[in-house]
Amino acid sequence: MFFADPVAAFANLRTALRHGGRLNFVTWRPARDNQWVAVPMQAAFEHLPRPEAPAPGTPGEFAFAEPERVQSILQGAGFTDIAIEPRDAAIGGSSLDLTVDTMLSMGPIGALLREMPEKRDAVGDSLRKVIAPFAGPQGVRMGAAVWLVSAAAP
């Protein structure tokens, strides 16, 4: 997801595999399909400006969100027998306080708050409000949507 030239990077990985060897990885589906991203971001955008969407293909955590792109990259890198399957799960497990604090400190919300620290309390209150319904005995658990990707080295 973070390679500047993903075809070259995966071609390099392919050379490390024996004939018939398998590559398997998990990657995020679109942010809108991931509660752990979509719910907090919507709450944060009540107080923070929405950043411009990155250009398609820009390295980042959602760079492989579209399966057609992943398929094209792997084919371009020389892989065969490519399978891309959706999988949904609940992720997390931290307390509500730790989850909110982490979201305020990391990722796109944390980056925006570093530029606008005066918004931290308001964003934190909004995050707590929308995340609280996901808190339970196992901590905060929110929906995650990923692709399970596998491919073979010819």
Protein backbone atom coordinates (compact mmCIF):
# COMPACT_ATOMS: atom_id res chain seq x y z
CA MET A 1 0.00 0.00 0.00
CA PHE A 2 2.93 2.30 0.63
CA PHE A 3 5.13 1.49 -2.39
CA ALA A 4 5.81 4.36 -4.79
CA ASP A 5 6.07 1.77 -7.61
CA PRO A 6 3.90 -1.17 -6.53
CA VAL A 7 4.44 -3.19 -9.74
CA ALA A 8 8.21 -3.10 -9.23
CA ALA A 9 7.85 -3.87 -5.52
CA PHE A 10 5.64 -6.91 -6.12
CA ALA A 11 7.84 -8.08 -8.99
CA ASN A 12 10.72 -8.04 -6.52
CA LEU A 13 8.66 -10.05 -4.03
CA ARG A 14 7.79 -12.54 -6.79
CA THR A 15 11.51 -13.21 -7.40
CA ALA A 16 11.80 -14.38 -3.79
CA LEU A 17 9.20 -17.10 -4.35
CA ARG A 18 9.77 -20.55 -5.80
CA HIS A 19 7.79 -21.66 -8.84
CA GLY A 20 4.23 -22.12 -7.59
CA GLY A 21 4.93 -20.22 -4.38
CA ARG A 22 2.04 -18.17 -2.98
CA LEU A 23 1.80 -14.55 -1.98
CA ASN A 24 -0.96 -13.78 0.53
CA PHE A 25 -1.83 -10.43 2.08
CA VAL A 26 -4.68 -8.43 3.55
CA THR A 27 -5.47 -4.88 2.44
CA TRP A 28 -8.20 -2.37 3.26
CA ARG A 29 -11.28 -1.97 1.15
CA PRO A 30 -12.49 1.65 0.65
CA ALA A 31 -12.56 3.87 3.74
CA ARG A 32 -16.33 4.37 3.35
CA ASP A 33 -16.75 0.59 3.91
CA ASN A 34 -14.74 0.65 7.15
CA GLN A 35 -16.67 1.82 10.22
CA TRP A 36 -13.42 2.30 12.14
CA VAL A 37 -12.55 5.06 9.64
CA ALA A 38 -15.86 6.38 8.32
CA VAL A 39 -17.63 6.92 11.66
CA PRO A 40 -14.86 8.89 13.41
CA MET A 41 -13.98 10.88 10.29
CA GLN A 42 -17.58 12.01 9.85
CA ALA A 43 -17.65 13.18 13.46
CA ALA A 44 -14.28 14.95 13.14
CA PHE A 45 -15.38 16.76 9.97
CA GLU A 46 -18.05 18.55 12.01
CA HIS A 47 -15.11 20.55 13.42
CA LEU A 48 -12.24 20.11 10.97
CA PRO A 49 -11.92 20.86 7.27
CA ARG A 50 -12.17 17.83 5.03
CA PRO A 51 -8.79 17.23 3.39
CA GLU A 52 -8.59 16.76 -0.35
CA ALA A 53 -8.80 13.13 -1.44
CA PRO A 54 -5.46 11.76 -2.56
CA ALA A 55 -4.99 11.18 -6.26
CA PRO A 56 -5.79 7.62 -7.38
CA GLY A 57 -2.75 5.40 -6.94
CA THR A 58 -1.15 7.59 -4.27
CA PRO A 59 0.62 5.39 -1.69
CA GLY A 60 -1.32 5.10 1.56
CA GLU A 61 -3.43 2.81 3.67
CA PHE A 62 -6.28 2.74 1.12
CA ALA A 63 -4.13 2.59 -2.03
CA PHE A 64 -5.31 -0.97 -2.73
CA ALA A 65 -8.98 -0.36 -1.93
CA GLU A 66 -10.10 -1.11 -5.50
CA PRO A 67 -9.66 -4.77 -6.46
CA GLU A 68 -9.16 -3.94 -10.14
CA ARG A 69 -6.04 -1.98 -9.25
CA VAL A 70 -4.68 -4.80 -7.10
CA GLN A 71 -5.34 -7.28 -9.92
CA SER A 72 -3.54 -5.04 -12.42
CA ILE A 73 -0.53 -4.53 -10.13
CA LEU A 74 -0.12 -8.24 -9.46
CA GLN A 75 -0.54 -9.17 -13.12
CA GLY A 76 2.00 -6.49 -14.06
CA ALA A 77 4.39 -7.97 -11.50
CA GLY A 78 4.09 -11.40 -13.14
CA PHE A 79 1.77 -13.15 -10.70
CA THR A 80 -0.90 -15.62 -11.81
CA ASP A 81 -3.87 -17.32 -10.18
CA ILE A 82 -4.88 -14.06 -8.47
CA ALA A 83 -7.81 -14.20 -6.04
CA ILE A 84 -9.27 -11.19 -4.23
CA GLU A 85 -12.02 -11.91 -1.72
CA PRO A 86 -13.89 -9.52 0.61
CA ARG A 87 -13.86 -10.16 4.33
CA ASP A 88 -15.61 -8.25 7.13
CA ALA A 89 -14.68 -8.35 10.81
CA ALA A 90 -14.98 -6.36 14.01
CA ILE A 91 -11.63 -4.94 15.11
CA GLY A 92 -10.39 -3.07 18.15
CA GLY A 93 -10.66 -3.97 21.77
CA SER A 94 -9.28 -0.93 23.55
CA SER A 95 -11.23 1.09 26.08
CA LEU A 96 -13.31 4.03 24.90
CA ASP A 97 -10.80 6.48 26.42
CA LEU A 98 -7.80 4.87 24.71
CA THR A 99 -9.65 4.57 21.38
CA VAL A 100 -10.59 8.27 21.39
CA ASP A 101 -7.10 9.31 22.47
CA THR A 102 -5.53 7.19 19.71
CA MET A 103 -7.82 8.68 17.07
CA LEU A 104 -6.98 12.18 18.28
CA SER A 105 -3.27 11.46 18.05
CA MET A 106 -2.84 9.37 14.91
CA GLY A 107 -3.97 9.14 11.32
CA PRO A 108 -5.72 11.88 9.41
CA ILE A 109 -7.55 13.24 12.47
CA GLY A 110 -4.30 13.50 14.42
CA ALA A 111 -2.59 15.21 11.48
CA LEU A 112 -5.34 17.83 11.19
CA LEU A 113 -5.32 18.43 14.94
CA ARG A 114 -1.58 19.06 14.90
CA GLU A 115 -2.39 22.00 12.62
CA MET A 116 -5.45 23.06 14.68
CA PRO A 117 -4.86 22.00 18.30
CA GLU A 118 -7.60 24.34 19.51
CA LYS A 119 -10.15 21.91 17.98
CA ARG A 120 -8.96 18.89 19.99
CA ASP A 121 -11.57 19.08 22.78
CA ALA A 122 -14.51 19.57 20.40
CA VAL A 123 -13.33 16.75 18.12
CA GLY A 124 -12.73 14.52 21.13
CA ASP A 125 -16.26 15.11 22.42
CA SER A 126 -17.73 14.27 19.01
CA LEU A 127 -15.59 11.15 18.68
CA ARG A 128 -16.59 9.94 22.13
CA LYS A 129 -20.27 10.42 21.25
CA VAL A 130 -20.17 8.41 17.99
CA ILE A 131 -17.78 5.71 19.24
CA ALA A 132 -19.48 5.03 22.60
CA PRO A 133 -22.19 2.81 21.02
CA PHE A 134 -19.42 0.46 19.82
CA ALA A 135 -17.98 -0.01 23.33
CA GLY A 136 -18.75 -3.24 25.13
CA PRO A 137 -17.22 -5.86 27.42
CA GLN A 138 -14.47 -6.52 24.83
CA GLY A 139 -13.70 -2.83 24.42
CA VAL A 140 -14.52 -0.72 21.37
CA ARG A 141 -15.16 -3.00 18.39
CA MET A 142 -15.89 -1.46 14.99
CA GLY A 143 -16.42 -2.89 11.54
CA ALA A 144 -13.47 -3.42 9.24
CA ALA A 145 -13.66 -4.32 5.56
CA VAL A 146 -10.62 -5.89 3.89
CA TRP A 147 -9.58 -7.80 0.81
CA LEU A 148 -7.87 -11.18 1.25
CA VAL A 149 -5.47 -11.35 -1.68
CA SER A 150 -3.56 -14.36 -2.95
CA ALA A 151 -1.48 -14.95 -6.05
CA ALA A 152 0.99 -17.48 -7.39
CA ALA A 153 4.49 -17.12 -8.77
CA PRO A 154 4.55 -18.92 -12.13
